[in-house]
Amino acid sequence: MDLRPPVPGSIRHFRLEEQEHPVEFASLAAFFGTVAAAFERGVIYIDSNGYLEMNDMQFAELAGAMNPDVAWWRIADD
């Protein structure tokens, strides 16, 4: 369990059933920058039925490249 104090303004991966809530984005700006880039690159898109969709693997790759200092995005590389 990570007992370090939270990073101010960070975005955390939160699930009720999980004990740990790791940082996914260091700041709100990093979160919105990553989401905006995902829209621009077609990783997040509106499908033919009008639903919001996302390619999870491509998003993880993009988020890892844009947030290299956040351990959450390096988990897949382990």
PDB file of N, CA and C in Angstrom:
ATOM      1  N   MET A   1       0.844  -1.170   0.000  1.00  0.00           N
ATOM      2  CA  MET A   1       0.000   0.000   0.000  1.00  0.00           C
ATOM      3  C   MET A   1       0.891   1.236   0.000  1.00  0.00           C
ATOM      4  N   ASP A   2       0.550   2.178  -0.853  1.00  0.00           N
ATOM      5  CA  ASP A   2       1.306   3.421  -0.978  1.00  0.00           C
ATOM      6  C   ASP A   2       0.830   4.405   0.089  1.00  0.00           C
ATOM      7  N   LEU A   3       1.698   4.715   1.059  1.00  0.00           N
ATOM      8  CA  LEU A   3       1.335   5.617   2.153  1.00  0.00           C
ATOM      9  C   LEU A   3       1.931   7.012   1.993  1.00  0.00           C
ATOM     10  N   ARG A   4       2.555   7.249   0.844  1.00  0.00           N
ATOM     11  CA  ARG A   4       3.097   8.590   0.603  1.00  0.00           C
ATOM     12  C   ARG A   4       1.948   9.590   0.508  1.00  0.00           C
ATOM     13  N   PRO A   5       2.184  10.838   0.891  1.00  0.00           N
ATOM     14  CA  PRO A   5       1.117  11.840   0.767  1.00  0.00           C
ATOM     15  C   PRO A   5       0.765  12.046  -0.704  1.00  0.00           C
ATOM     16  N   PRO A   6      -0.487  12.348  -0.996  1.00  0.00           N
ATOM     17  CA  PRO A   6      -0.885  12.539  -2.392  1.00  0.00           C
ATOM     18  C   PRO A   6      -0.223  13.761  -3.006  1.00  0.00           C
ATOM     19  N   VAL A   7      -0.007  13.684  -4.294  1.00  0.00           N
ATOM     20  CA  VAL A   7       0.535  14.815  -5.036  1.00  0.00           C
ATOM     21  C   VAL A   7      -0.610  15.808  -5.234  1.00  0.00           C
ATOM     22  N   PRO A   8      -0.441  17.069  -4.833  1.00  0.00           N
ATOM     23  CA  PRO A   8      -1.530  18.043  -4.993  1.00  0.00           C
ATOM     24  C   PRO A   8      -1.966  18.171  -6.454  1.00  0.00           C
ATOM     25  N   GLY A   9      -3.254  18.086  -6.683  1.00  0.00           N
ATOM     26  CA  GLY A   9      -3.795  18.255  -8.022  1.00  0.00           C
ATOM     27  C   GLY A   9      -3.688  17.043  -8.916  1.00  0.00           C
ATOM     28  N   SER A  10      -3.217  15.940  -8.396  1.00  0.00           N
ATOM     29  CA  SER A  10      -3.068  14.756  -9.232  1.00  0.00           C
ATOM     30  C   SER A  10      -4.417  14.067  -9.450  1.00  0.00           C
ATOM     31  N   ILE A  11      -4.507  13.302 -10.542  1.00  0.00           N
ATOM     32  CA  ILE A  11      -5.692  12.519 -10.871  1.00  0.00           C
ATOM     33  C   ILE A  11      -5.366  11.072 -10.534  1.00  0.00           C
ATOM     34  N   ARG A  12      -6.209  10.445  -9.721  1.00  0.00           N
ATOM     35  CA  ARG A  12      -5.944   9.084  -9.259  1.00  0.00           C
ATOM     36  C   ARG A  12      -6.894   8.074  -9.872  1.00  0.00           C
ATOM     37  N   HIS A  13      -6.407   6.855 -10.027  1.00  0.00           N
ATOM     38  CA  HIS A  13      -7.215   5.714 -10.460  1.00  0.00           C
ATOM     39  C   HIS A  13      -7.985   5.251  -9.228  1.00  0.00           C
ATOM     40  N   PHE A  14      -9.291   5.468  -9.208  1.00  0.00           N
ATOM     41  CA  PHE A  14     -10.077   5.155  -8.017  1.00  0.00           C
ATOM     42  C   PHE A  14     -11.120   4.095  -8.320  1.00  0.00           C
ATOM     43  N   ARG A  15     -11.094   3.023  -7.556  1.00  0.00           N
ATOM     44  CA  ARG A  15     -12.102   1.970  -7.608  1.00  0.00           C
ATOM     45  C   ARG A  15     -12.430   1.610  -6.170  1.00  0.00           C
ATOM     46  N   LEU A  16     -13.705   1.552  -5.837  1.00  0.00           N
ATOM     47  CA  LEU A  16     -14.122   1.255  -4.459  1.00  0.00           C
ATOM     48  C   LEU A  16     -13.552  -0.057  -3.949  1.00  0.00           C
ATOM     49  N   GLU A  17     -13.503  -1.065  -4.816  1.00  0.00           N
ATOM     50  CA  GLU A  17     -13.070  -2.392  -4.385  1.00  0.00           C
ATOM     51  C   GLU A  17     -11.547  -2.531  -4.270  1.00  0.00           C
ATOM     52  N   GLU A  18     -10.804  -1.504  -4.622  1.00  0.00           N
ATOM     53  CA  GLU A  18      -9.346  -1.562  -4.546  1.00  0.00           C
ATOM     54  C   GLU A  18      -8.840  -0.745  -3.370  1.00  0.00           C
ATOM     55  N   GLN A  19      -7.759  -1.225  -2.741  1.00  0.00           N
ATOM     56  CA  GLN A  19      -7.189  -0.522  -1.592  1.00  0.00           C
ATOM     57  C   GLN A  19      -6.254   0.604  -2.008  1.00  0.00           C
ATOM     58  N   GLU A  20      -5.574   0.432  -3.121  1.00  0.00           N
ATOM     59  CA  GLU A  20      -4.635   1.451  -3.578  1.00  0.00           C
ATOM     60  C   GLU A  20      -5.276   2.280  -4.686  1.00  0.00           C
ATOM     61  N   HIS A  21      -4.939   3.549  -4.714  1.00  0.00           N
ATOM     62  CA  HIS A  21      -5.469   4.476  -5.708  1.00  0.00           C
ATOM     63  C   HIS A  21      -4.295   5.244  -6.322  1.00  0.00           C
ATOM     64  N   PRO A  22      -3.591   4.598  -7.265  1.00  0.00           N
ATOM     65  CA  PRO A  22      -2.380   5.211  -7.815  1.00  0.00           C
ATOM     66  C   PRO A  22      -2.677   6.434  -8.679  1.00  0.00           C
ATOM     67  N   VAL A  23      -1.690   7.296  -8.776  1.00  0.00           N
ATOM     68  CA  VAL A  23      -1.785   8.490  -9.618  1.00  0.00           C
ATOM     69  C   VAL A  23      -1.775   8.050 -11.083  1.00  0.00           C
ATOM     70  N   GLU A  24      -2.725   8.572 -11.866  1.00  0.00           N
ATOM     71  CA  GLU A  24      -2.759   8.332 -13.313  1.00  0.00           C
ATOM     72  C   GLU A  24      -2.233   9.540 -14.083  1.00  0.00           C
ATOM     73  N   PHE A  25      -2.494  10.732 -13.555  1.00  0.00           N
ATOM     74  CA  PHE A  25      -2.031  11.968 -14.188  1.00  0.00           C
ATOM     75  C   PHE A  25      -1.520  12.892 -13.093  1.00  0.00           C
ATOM     76  N   ALA A  26      -0.389  13.544 -13.335  1.00  0.00           N
ATOM     77  CA  ALA A  26       0.229  14.393 -12.317  1.00  0.00           C
ATOM     78  C   ALA A  26      -0.571  15.658 -12.041  1.00  0.00           C
ATOM     79  N   SER A  27      -1.397  16.069 -13.001  1.00  0.00           N
ATOM     80  CA  SER A  27      -2.174  17.300 -12.825  1.00  0.00           C
ATOM     81  C   SER A  27      -3.410  17.258 -13.714  1.00  0.00           C
ATOM     82  N   LEU A  28      -4.314  18.171 -13.458  1.00  0.00           N
ATOM     83  CA  LEU A  28      -5.501  18.306 -14.293  1.00  0.00           C
ATOM     84  C   LEU A  28      -5.104  18.699 -15.717  1.00  0.00           C
ATOM     85  N   ALA A  29      -4.093  19.546 -15.829  1.00  0.00           N
ATOM     86  CA  ALA A  29      -3.610  19.956 -17.152  1.00  0.00           C
ATOM     87  C   ALA A  29      -3.068  18.760 -17.937  1.00  0.00           C
ATOM     88  N   ALA A  30      -2.344  17.866 -17.264  1.00  0.00           N
ATOM     89  CA  ALA A  30      -1.816  16.670 -17.928  1.00  0.00           C
ATOM     90  C   ALA A  30      -2.954  15.760 -18.387  1.00  0.00           C
ATOM     91  N   PHE A  31      -3.992  15.630 -17.564  1.00  0.00           N
ATOM     92  CA  PHE A  31      -5.154  14.818 -17.919  1.00  0.00           C
ATOM     93  C   PHE A  31      -5.836  15.369 -19.170  1.00  0.00           C
ATOM     94  N   PHE A  32      -6.182  16.663 -19.142  1.00  0.00           N
ATOM     95  CA  PHE A  32      -6.889  17.249 -20.280  1.00  0.00           C
ATOM     96  C   PHE A  32      -6.015  17.286 -21.530  1.00  0.00           C
ATOM     97  N   GLY A  33      -4.721  17.493 -21.367  1.00  0.00           N
ATOM     98  CA  GLY A  33      -3.819  17.459 -22.515  1.00  0.00           C
ATOM     99  C   GLY A  33      -3.784  16.091 -23.165  1.00  0.00           C
ATOM    100  N   THR A  34      -3.781  15.052 -22.352  1.00  0.00           N
ATOM    101  CA  THR A  34      -3.770  13.682 -22.866  1.00  0.00           C
ATOM    102  C   THR A  34      -5.085  13.351 -23.560  1.00  0.00           C
ATOM    103  N   VAL A  35      -6.198  13.720 -22.948  1.00  0.00           N
ATOM    104  CA  VAL A  35      -7.510  13.461 -23.553  1.00  0.00           C
ATOM    105  C   VAL A  35      -7.653  14.236 -24.867  1.00  0.00           C
ATOM    106  N   ALA A  36      -7.214  15.489 -24.893  1.00  0.00           N
ATOM    107  CA  ALA A  36      -7.291  16.286 -26.124  1.00  0.00           C
ATOM    108  C   ALA A  36      -6.461  15.647 -27.236  1.00  0.00           C
ATOM    109  N   ALA A  37      -5.259  15.194 -26.907  1.00  0.00           N
ATOM    110  CA  ALA A  37      -4.411  14.536 -27.901  1.00  0.00           C
ATOM    111  C   ALA A  37      -5.059  13.245 -28.394  1.00  0.00           C
ATOM    112  N   ALA A  38      -5.720  12.526 -27.494  1.00  0.00           N
ATOM    113  CA  ALA A  38      -6.402  11.287 -27.880  1.00  0.00           C
ATOM    114  C   ALA A  38      -7.530  11.575 -28.873  1.00  0.00           C
ATOM    115  N   PHE A  39      -8.287  12.643 -28.656  1.00  0.00           N
ATOM    116  CA  PHE A  39      -9.330  13.040 -29.618  1.00  0.00           C
ATOM    117  C   PHE A  39      -8.704  13.422 -30.955  1.00  0.00           C
ATOM    118  N   GLU A  40      -7.646  14.225 -30.908  1.00  0.00           N
ATOM    119  CA  GLU A  40      -7.001  14.692 -32.141  1.00  0.00           C
ATOM    120  C   GLU A  40      -6.456  13.538 -32.970  1.00  0.00           C
ATOM    121  N   ARG A  41      -5.997  12.476 -32.313  1.00  0.00           N
ATOM    122  CA  ARG A  41      -5.394  11.333 -33.009  1.00  0.00           C
ATOM    123  C   ARG A  41      -6.392  10.213 -33.295  1.00  0.00           C
ATOM    124  N   GLY A  42      -7.639  10.408 -32.917  1.00  0.00           N
ATOM    125  CA  GLY A  42      -8.660   9.398 -33.190  1.00  0.00           C
ATOM    126  C   GLY A  42      -8.665   8.231 -32.227  1.00  0.00           C
ATOM    127  N   VAL A  43      -7.955   8.354 -31.126  1.00  0.00           N
ATOM    128  CA  VAL A  43      -7.938   7.297 -30.102  1.00  0.00           C
ATOM    129  C   VAL A  43      -9.264   7.301 -29.343  1.00  0.00           C
ATOM    130  N   ILE A  44      -9.789   8.485 -29.090  1.00  0.00           N
ATOM    131  CA  ILE A  44     -11.133   8.658 -28.543  1.00  0.00           C
ATOM    132  C   ILE A  44     -11.959   9.251 -29.679  1.00  0.00           C
ATOM    133  N   TYR A  45     -13.114   8.655 -29.943  1.00  0.00           N
ATOM    134  CA  TYR A  45     -13.900   9.071 -31.107  1.00  0.00           C
ATOM    135  C   TYR A  45     -15.387   8.777 -30.901  1.00  0.00           C
ATOM    136  N   ILE A  46     -16.208   9.334 -31.762  1.00  0.00           N
ATOM    137  CA  ILE A  46     -17.639   9.065 -31.782  1.00  0.00           C
ATOM    138  C   ILE A  46     -17.874   8.018 -32.872  1.00  0.00           C
ATOM    139  N   ASP A  47     -18.487   6.881 -32.505  1.00  0.00           N
ATOM    140  CA  ASP A  47     -18.719   5.834 -33.501  1.00  0.00           C
ATOM    141  C   ASP A  47     -19.931   6.156 -34.378  1.00  0.00           C
ATOM    142  N   SER A  48     -20.223   5.278 -35.322  1.00  0.00           N
ATOM    143  CA  SER A  48     -21.301   5.523 -36.287  1.00  0.00           C
ATOM    144  C   SER A  48     -22.684   5.584 -35.647  1.00  0.00           C
ATOM    145  N   ASN A  49     -22.820   5.070 -34.429  1.00  0.00           N
ATOM    146  CA  ASN A  49     -24.091   5.128 -33.705  1.00  0.00           C
ATOM    147  C   ASN A  49     -24.168   6.321 -32.755  1.00  0.00           C
ATOM    148  N   GLY A  50     -23.116   7.143 -32.744  1.00  0.00           N
ATOM    149  CA  GLY A  50     -23.111   8.329 -31.899  1.00  0.00           C
ATOM    150  C   GLY A  50     -22.583   8.102 -30.491  1.00  0.00           C
ATOM    151  N   TYR A  51     -21.977   6.930 -30.245  1.00  0.00           N
ATOM    152  CA  TYR A  51     -21.440   6.625 -28.920  1.00  0.00           C
ATOM    153  C   TYR A  51     -19.969   7.013 -28.832  1.00  0.00           C
ATOM    154  N   LEU A  52     -19.569   7.466 -27.658  1.00  0.00           N
ATOM    155  CA  LEU A  52     -18.172   7.783 -27.400  1.00  0.00           C
ATOM    156  C   LEU A  52     -17.412   6.475 -27.216  1.00  0.00           C
ATOM    157  N   GLU A  53     -16.345   6.288 -27.965  1.00  0.00           N
ATOM    158  CA  GLU A  53     -15.539   5.068 -27.911  1.00  0.00           C
ATOM    159  C   GLU A  53     -14.074   5.429 -27.709  1.00  0.00           C
ATOM    160  N   MET A  54     -13.292   4.430 -27.282  1.00  0.00           N
ATOM    161  CA  MET A  54     -11.866   4.648 -27.084  1.00  0.00           C
ATOM    162  C   MET A  54     -11.128   3.345 -27.341  1.00  0.00           C
ATOM    163  N   ASN A  55      -9.992   3.440 -28.005  1.00  0.00           N
ATOM    164  CA  ASN A  55      -9.111   2.300 -28.158  1.00  0.00           C
ATOM    165  C   ASN A  55      -8.216   2.288 -26.922  1.00  0.00           C
ATOM    166  N   ASP A  56      -8.479   1.364 -26.000  1.00  0.00           N
ATOM    167  CA  ASP A  56      -7.785   1.344 -24.710  1.00  0.00           C
ATOM    168  C   ASP A  56      -6.274   1.171 -24.847  1.00  0.00           C
ATOM    169  N   MET A  57      -5.849   0.288 -25.737  1.00  0.00           N
ATOM    170  CA  MET A  57      -4.411   0.045 -25.892  1.00  0.00           C
ATOM    171  C   MET A  57      -3.707   1.285 -26.449  1.00  0.00           C
ATOM    172  N   GLN A  58      -4.305   1.919 -27.435  1.00  0.00           N
ATOM    173  CA  GLN A  58      -3.705   3.130 -27.998  1.00  0.00           C
ATOM    174  C   GLN A  58      -3.688   4.259 -26.977  1.00  0.00           C
ATOM    175  N   PHE A  59      -4.751   4.354 -26.156  1.00  0.00           N
ATOM    176  CA  PHE A  59      -4.771   5.396 -25.132  1.00  0.00           C
ATOM    177  C   PHE A  59      -3.657   5.165 -24.116  1.00  0.00           C
ATOM    178  N   ALA A  60      -3.456   3.920 -23.700  1.00  0.00           N
ATOM    179  CA  ALA A  60      -2.397   3.615 -22.734  1.00  0.00           C
ATOM    180  C   ALA A  60      -1.024   3.979 -23.304  1.00  0.00           C
ATOM    181  N   GLU A  61      -0.809   3.684 -24.579  1.00  0.00           N
ATOM    182  CA  GLU A  61       0.462   4.038 -25.220  1.00  0.00           C
ATOM    183  C   GLU A  61       0.648   5.554 -25.266  1.00  0.00           C
ATOM    184  N   LEU A  62      -0.398   6.260 -25.670  1.00  0.00           N
ATOM    185  CA  LEU A  62      -0.342   7.719 -25.749  1.00  0.00           C
ATOM    186  C   LEU A  62      -0.130   8.334 -24.371  1.00  0.00           C
ATOM    187  N   ALA A  63      -0.899   7.874 -23.394  1.00  0.00           N
ATOM    188  CA  ALA A  63      -0.781   8.409 -22.034  1.00  0.00           C
ATOM    189  C   ALA A  63       0.612   8.145 -21.470  1.00  0.00           C
ATOM    190  N   GLY A  64       1.167   6.974 -21.753  1.00  0.00           N
ATOM    191  CA  GLY A  64       2.516   6.665 -21.297  1.00  0.00           C
ATOM    192  C   GLY A  64       3.558   7.578 -21.921  1.00  0.00           C
ATOM    193  N   ALA A  65       3.385   7.870 -23.202  1.00  0.00           N
ATOM    194  CA  ALA A  65       4.323   8.757 -23.891  1.00  0.00           C
ATOM    195  C   ALA A  65       4.206  10.194 -23.392  1.00  0.00           C
ATOM    196  N   MET A  66       2.986  10.612 -23.078  1.00  0.00           N
ATOM    197  CA  MET A  66       2.768  11.997 -22.646  1.00  0.00           C
ATOM    198  C   MET A  66       2.983  12.208 -21.153  1.00  0.00           C
ATOM    199  N   ASN A  67       2.991  11.113 -20.384  1.00  0.00           N
ATOM    200  CA  ASN A  67       3.129  11.198 -18.924  1.00  0.00           C
ATOM    201  C   ASN A  67       4.200  10.218 -18.445  1.00  0.00           C
ATOM    202  N   PRO A  68       5.429  10.363 -18.930  1.00  0.00           N
ATOM    203  CA  PRO A  68       6.472   9.381 -18.621  1.00  0.00           C
ATOM    204  C   PRO A  68       6.872   9.329 -17.150  1.00  0.00           C
ATOM    205  N   ASP A  69       6.545  10.370 -16.398  1.00  0.00           N
ATOM    206  CA  ASP A  69       6.906  10.413 -14.981  1.00  0.00           C
ATOM    207  C   ASP A  69       5.878   9.727 -14.086  1.00  0.00           C
ATOM    208  N   VAL A  70       4.785   9.218 -14.661  1.00  0.00           N
ATOM    209  CA  VAL A  70       3.720   8.590 -13.873  1.00  0.00           C
ATOM    210  C   VAL A  70       3.843   7.075 -13.985  1.00  0.00           C
ATOM    211  N   ALA A  71       4.053   6.411 -12.857  1.00  0.00           N
ATOM    212  CA  ALA A  71       4.281   4.964 -12.824  1.00  0.00           C
ATOM    213  C   ALA A  71       3.105   4.164 -13.371  1.00  0.00           C
ATOM    214  N   TRP A  72       1.884   4.652 -13.203  1.00  0.00           N
ATOM    215  CA  TRP A  72       0.692   3.920 -13.657  1.00  0.00           C
ATOM    216  C   TRP A  72       0.815   3.484 -15.118  1.00  0.00           C
ATOM    217  N   TRP A  73       1.361   4.347 -15.957  1.00  0.00           N
ATOM    218  CA  TRP A  73       1.440   4.058 -17.388  1.00  0.00           C
ATOM    219  C   TRP A  73       2.610   3.156 -17.739  1.00  0.00           C
ATOM    220  N   ARG A  74       3.493   2.881 -16.798  1.00  0.00           N
ATOM    221  CA  ARG A  74       4.610   1.962 -17.036  1.00  0.00           C
ATOM    222  C   ARG A  74       4.268   0.541 -16.627  1.00  0.00           C
ATOM    223  N   ILE A  75       3.121   0.301 -16.000  1.00  0.00           N
ATOM    224  CA  ILE A  75       2.746  -1.033 -15.527  1.00  0.00           C
ATOM    225  C   ILE A  75       2.706  -2.028 -16.673  1.00  0.00           C
ATOM    226  N   ALA A  76       2.162  -1.631 -17.808  1.00  0.00           N
ATOM    227  CA  ALA A  76       2.041  -2.532 -18.950  1.00  0.00           C
ATOM    228  C   ALA A  76       3.401  -2.954 -19.487  1.00  0.00           C
ATOM    229  N   ASP A  77       4.434  -2.155 -19.244  1.00  0.00           N
ATOM    230  CA  ASP A  77       5.771  -2.468 -19.737  1.00  0.00           C
ATOM    231  C   ASP A  77       6.494  -3.485 -18.869  1.00  0.00           C
ATOM    232  N   ASP A  78       6.003  -3.702 -17.650  1.00  0.00           N
ATOM    233  CA  ASP A  78       6.692  -4.612 -16.717  1.00  0.00           C
ATOM    234  C   ASP A  78       6.537  -6.059 -17.122  1.00  0.00           C
TER     235      ASP A  78
END
